Amino acid sequence: MRMGAEALADAELLAILLRVGTQQATALDLARFIIQNYGGFRGLDSRSFTELCQVDGIGHAKAAIIDLRRGISPIGSTRLPPESL
């Protein structure tokens, strides 16, 4: 906790947002797959809600969480500025 979000990899941050995975993959496995295959947060930000829902393990709820992150974080940024927390 002392190091904050800056100490976490993008996949770890996304896994926290996703909270749970699937029967086949943990939230971290799912987050790693998404980050690697969709070009990180920048690539993820360019995906529509419908496209996100087509990813195995991402349903409406998780796609909505990803959309919410998009709204509170600057486009293409993987981190929120400390003053916004």
N, C-alpha and C. Protein backbone atom coordinates (compact mmCIF):
# COMPACT_ATOMS: atom_id res chain seq x y z
N MET A 1 0.81 -1.19 0.00
CA MET A 1 0.00 0.00 0.00
C MET A 1 0.86 1.26 0.00
N ARG A 2 2.03 1.16 0.54
CA ARG A 2 2.87 2.34 0.67
C ARG A 2 3.33 2.88 -0.68
N MET A 3 3.50 2.02 -1.67
CA MET A 3 3.99 2.44 -2.97
C MET A 3 2.91 2.98 -3.89
N GLY A 4 1.69 2.59 -3.69
CA GLY A 4 0.59 3.09 -4.50
C GLY A 4 0.46 2.42 -5.85
N ALA A 5 -0.45 2.95 -6.66
CA ALA A 5 -0.76 2.38 -7.97
C ALA A 5 0.43 2.39 -8.91
N GLU A 6 1.35 3.32 -8.71
CA GLU A 6 2.51 3.41 -9.61
C GLU A 6 3.36 2.15 -9.56
N ALA A 7 3.28 1.41 -8.46
CA ALA A 7 4.09 0.20 -8.30
C ALA A 7 3.46 -1.00 -9.00
N LEU A 8 2.24 -0.86 -9.49
CA LEU A 8 1.54 -1.98 -10.11
C LEU A 8 1.63 -1.92 -11.63
N ALA A 9 1.68 -3.09 -12.24
CA ALA A 9 1.65 -3.18 -13.70
C ALA A 9 0.23 -2.89 -14.18
N ASP A 10 0.10 -2.52 -15.45
CA ASP A 10 -1.22 -2.24 -16.02
C ASP A 10 -2.17 -3.42 -15.83
N ALA A 11 -1.67 -4.64 -16.05
CA ALA A 11 -2.52 -5.83 -15.90
C ALA A 11 -3.00 -5.97 -14.45
N GLU A 12 -2.15 -5.64 -13.50
CA GLU A 12 -2.55 -5.72 -12.10
C GLU A 12 -3.63 -4.69 -11.77
N LEU A 13 -3.49 -3.49 -12.31
CA LEU A 13 -4.52 -2.46 -12.10
C LEU A 13 -5.85 -2.87 -12.72
N LEU A 14 -5.80 -3.42 -13.93
CA LEU A 14 -7.03 -3.87 -14.59
C LEU A 14 -7.65 -5.03 -13.82
N ALA A 15 -6.83 -5.93 -13.30
CA ALA A 15 -7.34 -7.06 -12.53
C ALA A 15 -8.10 -6.59 -11.29
N ILE A 16 -7.60 -5.52 -10.66
CA ILE A 16 -8.31 -4.96 -9.50
C ILE A 16 -9.70 -4.47 -9.92
N LEU A 17 -9.78 -3.82 -11.07
CA LEU A 17 -11.07 -3.35 -11.56
C LEU A 17 -12.00 -4.50 -11.91
N LEU A 18 -11.44 -5.55 -12.53
CA LEU A 18 -12.26 -6.70 -12.94
C LEU A 18 -12.76 -7.50 -11.74
N ARG A 19 -12.01 -7.52 -10.67
CA ARG A 19 -12.31 -8.19 -9.40
C ARG A 19 -12.26 -9.70 -9.46
N VAL A 20 -12.93 -10.32 -10.39
CA VAL A 20 -12.94 -11.78 -10.48
C VAL A 20 -12.70 -12.20 -11.92
N GLY A 21 -12.23 -13.41 -12.07
CA GLY A 21 -12.01 -13.95 -13.41
C GLY A 21 -13.15 -14.87 -13.82
N THR A 22 -12.77 -15.97 -14.43
CA THR A 22 -13.73 -16.97 -14.88
C THR A 22 -13.35 -18.30 -14.25
N GLN A 23 -14.07 -19.34 -14.58
CA GLN A 23 -13.70 -20.67 -14.08
C GLN A 23 -12.35 -21.11 -14.62
N GLN A 24 -11.99 -20.61 -15.80
CA GLN A 24 -10.74 -21.02 -16.44
C GLN A 24 -9.57 -20.09 -16.15
N ALA A 25 -9.82 -18.85 -15.77
CA ALA A 25 -8.74 -17.87 -15.63
C ALA A 25 -9.02 -16.92 -14.46
N THR A 26 -7.96 -16.56 -13.76
CA THR A 26 -8.09 -15.58 -12.69
C THR A 26 -8.32 -14.19 -13.28
N ALA A 27 -8.67 -13.24 -12.45
CA ALA A 27 -8.83 -11.87 -12.91
C ALA A 27 -7.51 -11.35 -13.48
N LEU A 28 -6.39 -11.74 -12.87
CA LEU A 28 -5.08 -11.30 -13.37
C LEU A 28 -4.77 -11.94 -14.71
N ASP A 29 -5.10 -13.21 -14.88
CA ASP A 29 -4.90 -13.86 -16.19
C ASP A 29 -5.72 -13.15 -17.26
N LEU A 30 -6.96 -12.86 -16.95
CA LEU A 30 -7.85 -12.18 -17.89
C LEU A 30 -7.32 -10.78 -18.22
N ALA A 31 -6.88 -10.07 -17.20
CA ALA A 31 -6.33 -8.72 -17.40
C ALA A 31 -5.07 -8.76 -18.26
N ARG A 32 -4.20 -9.73 -18.00
CA ARG A 32 -2.98 -9.85 -18.82
C ARG A 32 -3.33 -10.11 -20.28
N PHE A 33 -4.29 -11.00 -20.51
CA PHE A 33 -4.73 -11.29 -21.88
C PHE A 33 -5.23 -10.02 -22.57
N ILE A 34 -6.06 -9.28 -21.87
CA ILE A 34 -6.65 -8.06 -22.45
C ILE A 34 -5.56 -7.02 -22.74
N ILE A 35 -4.69 -6.78 -21.78
CA ILE A 35 -3.62 -5.79 -21.96
C ILE A 35 -2.71 -6.18 -23.13
N GLN A 36 -2.35 -7.45 -23.20
CA GLN A 36 -1.45 -7.92 -24.27
C GLN A 36 -2.10 -7.92 -25.64
N ASN A 37 -3.37 -8.27 -25.71
CA ASN A 37 -4.03 -8.44 -26.99
C ASN A 37 -4.77 -7.21 -27.50
N TYR A 38 -4.94 -6.22 -26.65
CA TYR A 38 -5.68 -5.03 -27.06
C TYR A 38 -4.83 -3.77 -27.00
N GLY A 39 -3.52 -3.92 -26.86
CA GLY A 39 -2.64 -2.76 -26.90
C GLY A 39 -2.64 -1.90 -25.65
N GLY A 40 -2.74 -2.54 -24.50
CA GLY A 40 -2.72 -1.79 -23.25
C GLY A 40 -3.99 -0.98 -23.06
N PHE A 41 -3.93 -0.02 -22.14
CA PHE A 41 -5.10 0.81 -21.86
C PHE A 41 -5.48 1.68 -23.05
N ARG A 42 -4.49 2.13 -23.82
CA ARG A 42 -4.81 2.94 -25.01
C ARG A 42 -5.65 2.14 -26.00
N GLY A 43 -5.25 0.94 -26.27
CA GLY A 43 -6.02 0.10 -27.18
C GLY A 43 -7.37 -0.27 -26.61
N LEU A 44 -7.40 -0.51 -25.32
CA LEU A 44 -8.65 -0.85 -24.66
C LEU A 44 -9.63 0.31 -24.71
N ASP A 45 -9.11 1.52 -24.58
CA ASP A 45 -9.96 2.71 -24.63
C ASP A 45 -10.60 2.93 -25.99
N SER A 46 -10.01 2.36 -27.03
CA SER A 46 -10.57 2.54 -28.37
C SER A 46 -11.64 1.50 -28.70
N ARG A 47 -11.87 0.56 -27.80
CA ARG A 47 -12.87 -0.49 -28.03
C ARG A 47 -14.24 -0.04 -27.56
N SER A 48 -15.24 -0.43 -28.31
CA SER A 48 -16.62 -0.10 -27.93
C SER A 48 -17.09 -1.04 -26.82
N PHE A 49 -18.17 -0.66 -26.18
CA PHE A 49 -18.79 -1.50 -25.16
C PHE A 49 -19.09 -2.88 -25.73
N THR A 50 -19.65 -2.92 -26.93
CA THR A 50 -20.00 -4.19 -27.58
C THR A 50 -18.76 -5.04 -27.82
N GLU A 51 -17.67 -4.42 -28.29
CA GLU A 51 -16.42 -5.16 -28.51
C GLU A 51 -15.88 -5.73 -27.20
N LEU A 52 -15.96 -4.95 -26.13
CA LEU A 52 -15.48 -5.43 -24.84
C LEU A 52 -16.28 -6.64 -24.38
N CYS A 53 -17.59 -6.60 -24.59
CA CYS A 53 -18.45 -7.72 -24.18
C CYS A 53 -18.16 -9.00 -24.96
N GLN A 54 -17.52 -8.90 -26.10
CA GLN A 54 -17.21 -10.08 -26.91
C GLN A 54 -15.96 -10.82 -26.43
N VAL A 55 -15.20 -10.21 -25.54
CA VAL A 55 -14.02 -10.86 -24.97
C VAL A 55 -14.49 -11.92 -23.98
N ASP A 56 -13.98 -13.15 -24.12
CA ASP A 56 -14.34 -14.21 -23.18
C ASP A 56 -14.02 -13.76 -21.75
N GLY A 57 -15.01 -13.82 -20.88
CA GLY A 57 -14.81 -13.43 -19.49
C GLY A 57 -15.22 -12.00 -19.19
N ILE A 58 -15.54 -11.23 -20.23
CA ILE A 58 -15.99 -9.84 -20.04
C ILE A 58 -17.46 -9.76 -20.43
N GLY A 59 -18.29 -9.56 -19.45
CA GLY A 59 -19.72 -9.39 -19.72
C GLY A 59 -20.07 -7.92 -19.60
N HIS A 60 -21.35 -7.66 -19.48
CA HIS A 60 -21.82 -6.29 -19.39
C HIS A 60 -21.26 -5.55 -18.17
N ALA A 61 -21.20 -6.23 -17.03
CA ALA A 61 -20.73 -5.56 -15.81
C ALA A 61 -19.26 -5.16 -15.91
N LYS A 62 -18.42 -6.07 -16.38
CA LYS A 62 -16.99 -5.75 -16.49
C LYS A 62 -16.74 -4.72 -17.60
N ALA A 63 -17.48 -4.80 -18.67
CA ALA A 63 -17.34 -3.80 -19.73
C ALA A 63 -17.74 -2.43 -19.20
N ALA A 64 -18.76 -2.37 -18.36
CA ALA A 64 -19.19 -1.11 -17.76
C ALA A 64 -18.10 -0.55 -16.84
N ILE A 65 -17.43 -1.41 -16.10
CA ILE A 65 -16.33 -0.97 -15.23
C ILE A 65 -15.19 -0.40 -16.06
N ILE A 66 -14.88 -1.06 -17.18
CA ILE A 66 -13.83 -0.55 -18.07
C ILE A 66 -14.25 0.80 -18.63
N ASP A 67 -15.51 0.94 -19.00
CA ASP A 67 -16.02 2.23 -19.49
C ASP A 67 -15.92 3.30 -18.40
N LEU A 68 -16.22 2.94 -17.17
CA LEU A 68 -16.12 3.88 -16.06
C LEU A 68 -14.68 4.36 -15.89
N ARG A 69 -13.72 3.45 -15.98
CA ARG A 69 -12.32 3.84 -15.87
C ARG A 69 -11.95 4.82 -16.98
N ARG A 70 -12.50 4.59 -18.14
CA ARG A 70 -12.28 5.49 -19.27
C ARG A 70 -12.74 6.90 -18.95
N GLY A 71 -13.83 7.02 -18.24
CA GLY A 71 -14.40 8.31 -17.92
C GLY A 71 -13.67 9.08 -16.84
N ILE A 72 -12.94 8.36 -15.96
CA ILE A 72 -12.25 9.05 -14.86
C ILE A 72 -10.76 9.18 -15.09
N SER A 73 -10.25 8.54 -16.12
CA SER A 73 -8.82 8.59 -16.41
C SER A 73 -8.63 9.22 -17.78
N PRO A 74 -7.64 10.09 -17.94
CA PRO A 74 -7.41 10.68 -19.26
C PRO A 74 -7.16 9.61 -20.31
N ILE A 75 -7.67 9.81 -21.51
CA ILE A 75 -7.51 8.83 -22.58
C ILE A 75 -6.04 8.54 -22.81
N GLY A 76 -5.71 7.26 -22.85
CA GLY A 76 -4.34 6.85 -23.10
C GLY A 76 -3.48 6.83 -21.85
N SER A 77 -3.99 7.34 -20.76
CA SER A 77 -3.21 7.34 -19.52
C SER A 77 -3.47 6.06 -18.77
N THR A 78 -2.44 5.50 -18.20
CA THR A 78 -2.62 4.29 -17.41
C THR A 78 -2.75 4.60 -15.94
N ARG A 79 -2.54 5.85 -15.57
CA ARG A 79 -2.57 6.21 -14.17
C ARG A 79 -3.35 7.52 -13.99
N LEU A 80 -4.04 7.61 -12.86
CA LEU A 80 -4.68 8.87 -12.50
C LEU A 80 -3.65 9.77 -11.82
N PRO A 81 -3.69 11.06 -12.05
CA PRO A 81 -2.79 11.94 -11.33
C PRO A 81 -3.11 11.90 -9.83
N PRO A 82 -2.10 11.98 -8.96
CA PRO A 82 -2.34 11.87 -7.51
C PRO A 82 -3.36 12.87 -6.99
N GLU A 83 -3.40 14.07 -7.54
CA GLU A 83 -4.34 15.07 -7.04
C GLU A 83 -5.80 14.72 -7.32
N SER A 84 -6.05 13.78 -8.22
CA SER A 84 -7.44 13.40 -8.51
C SER A 84 -7.95 12.30 -7.61
N LEU A 85 -7.09 11.75 -6.78
CA LEU A 85 -7.50 10.65 -5.91
C LEU A 85 -8.09 11.14 -4.62
